Protein backbone atom coordinates (compact mmCIF):
# COMPACT_ATOMS: atom_id res chain seq x y z
CA MET A 1 100.32 37.36 11.80
CA ASP A 2 102.52 39.36 13.05
CA ALA A 3 104.32 42.03 10.77
CA ALA A 4 107.53 40.08 10.87
CA GLY A 5 108.71 38.50 7.74
CA LEU A 6 106.86 39.59 5.30
CA ARG A 7 107.20 38.36 1.86
CA ILE A 8 105.07 41.30 -0.58
CA VAL A 9 104.37 40.21 -4.21
CA GLN A 10 103.62 43.57 -5.51
CA VAL A 11 101.09 43.73 -9.33
CA ILE A 12 102.02 47.08 -10.82
CA PRO A 13 100.42 47.44 -14.33
CA SER A 14 103.15 49.19 -16.29
CA LEU A 15 106.20 51.42 -15.03
CA TRP A 16 105.74 54.44 -17.12
CA HIS A 17 104.69 57.60 -15.47
CA GLY A 18 102.17 58.17 -13.68
CA GLY A 19 100.51 58.50 -10.42
CA LEU A 20 100.25 55.47 -9.74
CA GLU A 21 103.31 54.20 -10.79
CA ARG A 22 105.15 56.76 -8.87
CA MET A 23 102.71 55.61 -5.66
CA ALA A 24 103.28 51.83 -6.13
CA THR A 25 106.87 52.47 -6.54
CA THR A 26 107.62 54.63 -3.40
CA LEU A 27 105.93 52.12 -1.11
CA THR A 28 107.62 49.22 -2.71
CA ILE A 29 111.30 50.85 -2.25
CA ALA A 30 109.91 51.98 1.81
CA LEU A 31 108.99 48.08 1.99
CA GLU A 32 111.93 46.92 0.93
CA ALA A 33 113.77 49.03 3.52
CA ASP A 34 111.64 48.31 6.48
CA PRO A 35 112.71 45.87 8.76
CA ALA A 36 109.17 44.08 9.17
CA VAL A 37 109.23 42.76 5.80
CA GLU A 38 111.70 40.12 4.51
CA ARG A 39 111.11 40.25 0.63
CA VAL A 40 109.17 42.03 -2.01
CA VAL A 41 108.98 41.66 -5.46
CA VAL A 42 107.15 43.72 -8.22
CA CYS A 43 105.14 41.77 -11.12
CA THR A 44 104.98 44.30 -13.97
CA SER A 45 104.62 44.77 -17.92
CA GLY A 46 107.54 47.37 -17.48
CA GLY A 47 108.38 50.78 -18.41
CA ASP A 48 110.81 53.59 -17.34
CA PRO A 49 111.70 55.75 -15.37
CA TYR A 50 110.21 53.41 -12.58
CA LEU A 51 112.04 50.40 -13.70
CA GLU A 52 115.32 52.11 -13.17
CA GLU A 53 114.30 53.14 -10.20
CA LEU A 54 113.03 49.72 -8.94
CA HIS A 55 116.60 48.15 -10.20
CA GLU A 56 118.65 51.03 -8.21
CA HIS A 57 117.25 49.85 -4.78
CA GLY A 58 118.57 46.06 -5.46
CA ILE A 59 114.63 44.72 -5.96
CA ASP A 60 113.40 42.56 -8.16
CA VAL A 61 111.43 42.95 -11.08
CA ILE A 62 109.35 40.04 -12.64
CA THR A 63 108.01 40.58 -16.25
CA ILE A 64 104.00 39.46 -16.94
CA PRO A 65 101.58 40.30 -19.48
CA ARG A 66 100.26 43.89 -18.51
CA PRO A 67 96.35 42.91 -16.62
CA PHE A 68 94.68 44.84 -19.36
CA PRO A 69 90.82 44.32 -17.94
CA ARG A 70 90.03 41.78 -21.26
CA PRO A 71 89.61 38.09 -20.55
CA GLY A 72 92.62 36.94 -22.96
CA PRO A 73 95.71 39.58 -21.40
CA LEU A 74 93.85 38.79 -17.70
CA VAL A 75 94.59 35.18 -18.43
CA ARG A 76 98.00 35.26 -19.20
CA ALA A 77 98.96 37.69 -16.62
CA ALA A 78 96.99 35.61 -13.98
CA ARG A 79 99.10 32.48 -15.48
CA SER A 80 102.35 34.26 -15.01
CA LEU A 81 101.31 35.42 -11.81
CA ALA A 82 100.53 31.95 -10.33
CA GLN A 83 103.91 31.39 -11.40
CA VAL A 84 105.49 33.50 -9.03
CA ILE A 85 103.10 32.73 -6.58
CA ARG A 86 104.46 29.18 -6.28
CA GLU A 87 108.34 29.84 -5.99
CA GLU A 88 108.30 33.16 -4.49
CA GLN A 89 105.46 31.95 -1.92
CA PRO A 90 104.21 34.78 -0.51
CA HIS A 91 101.97 36.08 2.33
CA VAL A 92 100.12 38.75 0.51
CA VAL A 93 99.63 40.16 -3.19
CA HIS A 94 99.12 43.57 -3.52
CA ALA A 95 97.83 44.08 -6.48
CA HIS A 96 97.09 47.84 -7.82
CA ASN A 97 93.84 49.08 -9.72
CA PRO A 98 91.09 46.34 -11.03
CA GLY A 99 92.76 44.81 -13.85
CA ALA A 100 95.90 43.68 -11.51
CA ALA A 101 93.17 42.80 -9.01
CA ALA A 102 91.26 40.54 -11.04
CA ALA A 103 94.45 38.59 -12.89
CA ALA A 104 95.81 37.90 -8.97
CA ALA A 105 92.91 36.27 -7.96
CA LEU A 106 92.47 34.04 -10.89
CA GLY A 107 96.71 33.23 -10.50
CA ARG A 108 96.26 32.37 -6.87
CA THR A 109 93.30 30.29 -8.38
CA LEU A 110 96.05 28.78 -10.72
CA ALA A 111 98.62 28.23 -7.58
CA ARG A 112 96.28 26.51 -5.62
CA ALA A 113 97.57 28.98 -3.29
CA GLY A 114 94.81 29.85 -1.12
CA HIS A 115 96.18 30.76 1.97
CA VAL A 116 97.74 34.17 0.49
CA ALA A 117 95.51 36.80 1.08
CA ILE A 118 95.15 39.70 -1.87
CA VAL A 119 95.29 44.01 -1.21
CA SER A 120 94.02 46.00 -3.87
CA SER A 121 95.05 49.53 -3.95
CA PHE A 122 92.19 50.99 -6.02
CA HIS A 123 93.50 54.55 -7.53
CA GLY A 124 90.30 55.46 -9.50
CA VAL A 125 88.61 54.80 -12.78
CA LEU A 126 85.66 56.67 -15.01
CA PRO A 127 82.61 56.94 -13.26
CA ARG A 128 80.71 54.98 -15.84
CA ARG A 129 83.65 52.15 -15.39
CA ILE A 130 82.56 51.91 -11.17
CA GLY A 131 80.83 48.72 -11.27
CA ARG A 132 83.14 46.58 -13.18
CA ALA A 133 85.40 47.71 -11.20
CA VAL A 134 84.27 46.50 -8.14
CA ARG A 135 83.37 43.39 -9.65
CA ALA A 136 87.13 42.85 -10.43
CA LEU A 137 87.70 44.36 -6.83
CA SER A 138 85.10 42.00 -5.11
CA PHE A 139 88.02 38.51 -5.21
CA SER A 140 90.52 40.63 -2.66
CA ASP A 141 90.37 40.32 1.10
CA LEU A 142 90.74 44.05 1.28
CA ILE A 143 90.33 46.62 -0.62
CA VAL A 144 92.13 50.25 -0.36
CA GLY A 145 90.79 53.51 -1.74
CA VAL A 146 93.56 56.41 -1.51
CA SER A 147 90.80 59.30 -0.43
CA PRO A 148 87.64 58.80 1.77
CA THR A 149 86.04 59.62 -1.71
CA THR A 150 87.31 56.97 -3.29
CA THR A 151 86.53 54.25 -0.97
CA ARG A 152 83.09 55.77 -0.25
CA ALA A 153 82.40 55.06 -3.99
CA LEU A 154 83.49 51.94 -3.89
CA VAL A 155 80.85 50.50 -1.07
CA LYS A 156 78.11 52.63 -2.93
CA ALA A 157 78.66 50.02 -5.77
CA GLY A 158 78.14 47.59 -3.53
CA LEU A 159 81.31 46.37 -1.91
CA PRO A 160 81.06 45.71 1.69
CA ALA A 161 82.24 48.52 3.50
CA GLU A 162 83.89 46.01 6.00
CA LYS A 163 86.11 45.39 3.21
CA THR A 164 87.82 48.10 2.69
CA ALA A 165 90.15 50.93 4.02
CA THR A 166 91.52 54.24 2.93
CA ILE A 167 95.23 55.35 3.07
CA PHE A 168 96.45 58.63 1.54
CA ASN A 169 99.54 58.08 -0.92
CA ALA A 170 102.87 59.26 0.03
CA VAL A 171 104.58 62.08 -1.60
CA GLN A 172 108.61 63.36 -1.63
CA PRO A 173 109.20 65.47 -3.98
CA GLN A 174 112.59 67.13 -4.17
CA ALA A 175 113.48 70.05 -6.27
CA VAL A 176 116.48 70.33 -7.51
CA ARG A 177 117.23 73.56 -9.35
CA GLY A 178 116.04 77.03 -8.30
CA GLU A 179 113.42 78.80 -9.10
CA ALA A 180 115.19 81.36 -10.64
CA GLU A 181 116.94 79.06 -13.20
CA VAL A 182 113.29 77.10 -13.37
CA ARG A 183 111.64 80.81 -14.95
CA ALA A 184 114.65 81.79 -17.03
CA GLU A 185 114.37 78.62 -18.79
CA PHE A 186 110.61 79.74 -19.64
CA HIS A 187 111.28 83.23 -19.77
CA ALA A 188 108.94 83.73 -16.62
CA ASP A 189 110.82 86.73 -15.32
CA GLY A 190 108.45 89.46 -13.67
CA VAL A 191 105.23 87.31 -14.80
CA PRO A 192 103.24 84.78 -13.26
CA LEU A 193 104.07 81.14 -13.59
CA ILE A 194 101.27 78.73 -13.52
CA ILE A 195 101.41 74.98 -14.17
CA THR A 196 99.32 71.58 -14.76
CA VAL A 197 100.94 68.07 -14.74
CA GLY A 198 99.34 64.95 -16.24
CA ARG A 199 98.30 63.27 -18.70
CA TYR A 200 97.21 64.18 -22.31
CA VAL A 201 93.77 62.74 -22.07
CA GLY A 202 89.94 63.74 -21.89
CA GLU A 203 89.32 63.86 -18.06
CA LYS A 204 92.76 65.65 -17.22
CA ASN A 205 90.65 68.29 -19.65
CA GLN A 206 94.16 71.08 -19.63
CA ALA A 207 91.48 72.42 -22.06
CA LEU A 208 89.77 73.91 -19.35
CA LEU A 209 92.67 75.46 -18.11
CA LEU A 210 93.87 77.13 -21.23
CA ASP A 211 90.47 78.71 -21.76
CA ALA A 212 90.50 80.27 -17.89
CA LEU A 213 94.51 81.02 -18.60
CA ALA A 214 92.76 83.45 -21.77
CA LEU A 215 90.32 84.59 -20.00
CA LEU A 216 92.84 86.19 -17.77
CA GLY A 217 93.77 89.00 -19.78
CA ARG A 218 97.19 89.51 -18.31
CA PRO A 219 100.67 88.43 -19.44
CA LEU A 220 101.66 84.98 -18.02
CA ARG A 221 103.40 81.94 -18.39
CA GLY A 222 101.87 78.75 -18.33
CA LEU A 223 102.60 75.12 -18.85
CA VAL A 224 101.29 72.10 -19.61
CA VAL A 225 103.11 69.23 -18.63
CA GLY A 226 102.49 65.40 -19.46
CA TYR A 227 101.91 62.84 -21.77
CA GLY A 228 99.55 61.17 -23.82
CA PRO A 229 97.06 61.25 -27.23
CA ARG A 230 95.65 64.76 -26.98
CA GLU A 231 99.19 66.74 -27.27
CA GLY A 232 98.23 68.09 -30.69
CA GLU A 233 95.17 68.88 -30.01
CA LEU A 234 96.46 70.78 -26.61
CA ARG A 235 98.65 72.89 -28.85
CA SER A 236 96.28 73.23 -31.64
CA HIS A 237 93.91 74.93 -28.91
CA ALA A 238 96.59 77.07 -27.09
CA ALA A 239 97.26 78.32 -30.24
CA GLY A 240 93.44 79.22 -30.98
CA LEU A 241 93.07 81.15 -28.06
CA GLY A 242 96.39 82.75 -28.91
CA LEU A 243 98.51 81.54 -26.21
CA ALA A 244 101.32 80.24 -28.13
CA GLU A 245 103.51 82.09 -26.68
CA MET A 246 102.66 82.53 -23.30
CA VAL A 247 101.88 78.83 -23.02
CA SER A 248 104.31 75.89 -23.30
CA VAL A 249 102.60 72.49 -23.83
CA THR A 250 105.80 70.94 -22.66
CA GLY A 251 105.27 67.08 -23.19
CA ARG A 252 107.17 64.72 -20.83
CA ARG A 253 109.34 66.53 -18.11
CA ASP A 254 111.54 64.50 -15.98
CA ASP A 255 111.70 67.67 -13.74
CA THR A 256 107.83 68.06 -12.35
CA ALA A 257 108.99 68.90 -8.57
CA ASP A 258 111.20 71.55 -9.81
CA LEU A 259 108.60 73.60 -12.27
CA ILE A 260 106.31 73.07 -9.88
CA ALA A 261 108.18 74.29 -6.90
CA ALA A 262 108.81 77.26 -9.11
CA ALA A 263 104.92 78.33 -10.13
CA ASP A 264 103.12 80.89 -8.80
CA VAL A 265 99.92 78.41 -8.75
CA PHE A 266 99.69 74.94 -9.54
CA ALA A 267 96.09 74.07 -11.16
CA LEU A 268 93.88 70.98 -11.87
CA SER A 269 91.40 71.19 -14.03
CA SER A 270 89.70 67.96 -14.84
CA SER A 271 86.58 66.62 -15.55
CA SER A 272 87.22 63.04 -13.28
CA GLU A 273 89.90 61.76 -10.75
CA ALA A 274 90.13 59.74 -7.72
CA LEU A 275 93.14 61.21 -6.24
CA PRO A 276 96.04 62.83 -8.46
CA LEU A 277 99.52 62.51 -6.52
CA VAL A 278 100.50 65.87 -8.09
CA LEU A 279 98.21 67.82 -6.45
CA ILE A 280 99.52 66.60 -3.21
CA GLU A 281 103.07 66.73 -4.48
CA ALA A 282 102.38 70.68 -5.25
CA MET A 283 100.53 71.33 -1.63
CA SER A 284 104.04 69.39 -0.36
CA LEU A 285 106.27 71.70 -2.24
CA GLY A 286 104.57 74.71 -0.85
CA THR A 287 103.06 75.81 -4.01
CA PRO A 288 99.78 76.97 -3.67
CA VAL A 289 96.44 74.86 -5.63
CA VAL A 290 93.45 75.39 -7.24
CA ALA A 291 91.43 72.61 -8.85
CA THR A 292 87.98 71.09 -9.40
CA SER A 293 85.91 69.62 -6.88
CA VAL A 294 85.59 65.96 -8.43
CA GLY A 295 86.83 62.70 -6.75
CA GLY A 296 88.54 63.10 -3.74
CA ILE A 297 90.32 66.42 -4.50
CA ALA A 298 87.85 67.83 -1.48
CA ASP A 299 89.54 65.41 0.84
CA VAL A 300 93.08 66.90 0.48
CA VAL A 301 91.54 70.52 -0.85
CA THR A 302 89.72 72.49 1.66
CA ASP A 303 88.42 75.86 -0.06
CA GLY A 304 89.75 78.62 1.56
CA GLU A 305 92.70 76.98 3.57
CA THR A 306 94.61 74.33 1.71
CA GLY A 307 93.76 75.69 -1.93
CA LEU A 308 90.98 76.53 -3.57
CA LEU A 309 88.34 74.45 -5.07
CA VAL A 310 86.16 75.24 -8.23
CA PRO A 311 83.11 73.50 -10.00
CA PRO A 312 84.23 70.92 -12.70
CA GLY A 313 83.57 72.72 -16.03
CA ASP A 314 83.37 76.23 -15.42
CA VAL A 315 85.88 78.05 -16.94
CA ALA A 316 85.07 81.48 -15.49
CA ALA A 317 85.56 79.55 -12.05
CA LEU A 318 88.59 78.67 -12.23
CA SER A 319 90.10 81.91 -14.11
CA GLY A 320 88.29 83.86 -11.51
CA ALA A 321 90.13 81.27 -8.54
CA ILE A 322 93.86 81.33 -10.17
CA GLY A 323 93.04 85.18 -10.76
CA ARG A 324 92.50 85.60 -6.86
CA VAL A 325 95.19 83.99 -5.92
CA LEU A 326 97.84 85.62 -8.67
CA GLY A 327 96.43 88.90 -7.22
CA ASP A 328 96.61 88.31 -3.52
CA ARG A 329 100.27 87.56 -2.03
CA ALA A 330 98.48 87.06 1.64
CA LEU A 331 95.64 84.20 -0.03
CA ALA A 332 98.28 82.73 -1.39
CA ASP A 333 100.67 82.01 1.35
CA ARG A 334 97.86 80.86 3.71
CA LEU A 335 97.40 78.67 0.61
CA ALA A 336 100.25 77.17 0.31
CA ALA A 337 100.99 76.87 4.18
CA GLY A 338 97.62 74.55 4.58
CA GLY A 339 98.98 72.88 2.04
CA HIS A 340 102.08 71.80 2.92
CA ARG A 341 101.02 71.29 6.20
CA PHE A 342 98.34 68.84 5.14
CA ALA A 343 101.08 67.22 2.96
CA THR A 344 103.02 66.86 5.58
CA GLU A 345 100.99 65.37 8.19
CA HIS A 346 98.76 62.73 6.47
CA CYS A 347 100.85 61.96 2.90
CA SER A 348 104.24 61.02 4.47
CA ILE A 349 105.90 57.60 3.30
CA PRO A 350 106.30 56.63 6.61
CA ALA A 351 102.64 57.13 7.54
CA MET A 352 101.47 55.07 4.27
CA VAL A 353 104.01 52.19 5.11
CA ALA A 354 102.76 51.65 8.84
CA ALA A 355 99.19 51.46 7.37
CA TYR A 356 100.47 49.45 4.43
CA ARG A 357 101.73 47.27 7.23
CA ASP A 358 98.70 47.24 9.02
CA VAL A 359 96.16 46.39 6.09
CA TYR A 360 98.77 43.19 4.93
CA THR A 361 98.49 41.94 8.08
CA ASP A 362 94.43 42.26 8.70
CA ALA A 363 93.72 40.74 5.05
CA ILE A 364 96.47 38.17 6.05
CA ALA A 365 95.00 37.17 9.17
CA ARG A 366 91.06 37.16 7.72
CA ARG A 367 92.73 34.76 4.92
CA ALA A 368 93.49 32.60 7.08
CA GLY A 369 89.91 32.86 9.38
CA ALA A 370 88.14 32.28 5.93
CA ARG A 371 90.10 29.02 5.40
CA PRO A 372 89.09 25.46 7.41
CA PRO A 373 91.18 24.11 9.51
CA THR A 374 93.92 20.92 7.89
């Protein structure tokens, strides 16, 4: 079929803060406004802040059990999805990450709706879980990696290359508050402001960034924005390094675009990533980025052009790269301009929507071709 009149079910495991959730919400809202789309609904376990945002745009949200990658939760989610598939009669179900993909495939079987195509976006898992992820994704008609490196990892783990596509996530962050107001809030007048944003979990490795800031040995303000189980541990680590007065572990914030736009450097110290959406947001906002070279980060950060790359786990390299940006205005400006240019050219919402629309129609055609004529 062509793209006209598409009916789409989006399966988003939750709507709490996170890059996957932000991207899936952005895509859903854009699809709702697309003339080629007849209807798009969201199946999710819920959560703030994106549930409210979807409702504000008039998008129907159907609550289902969260499809955790374990038999019981997957079966419960699949039963709910089967009912949605029967009622909505979609052309395509778009699942986000392996658990949702497995639940969607089982739901399609339970609904006896073999004509429905399944597209799955792979936002990344820890490297040790890639084999299990591929098994869950393999029942989808097409699987989209969020960066070339992410897609290659799926193929290397056994997914047929002809079942894959690559689409960069889109961003459209908007800073509302001025730089002076943000800096005043955090007492950053006259000193460099370094920020990172991400969940407080082991693979984000914000402790490495704290170590790097301590090595700089200069007055500064640091913001470690996010949420998660290691919040208290990070505060204790900052205090142990003598950074309690210079670094704020802020917890969750709803104004991250304002904070990133006001910063001198956005730093990402992760030990494992697919392609973090917040990194592209920082580039879009014109903030120079320094990041560890893991996962798909090198697909968007070209060292010396759109940011600086350092080896994962190397505190001296991370500290040195941050220091280079802070000490060289021409370098900072060049990286900011290069990052902004890349984000504008490759990570726009219209480009993402057009690419997914093509993937949907391709998956539908594949599904139709895979079924014998009746």
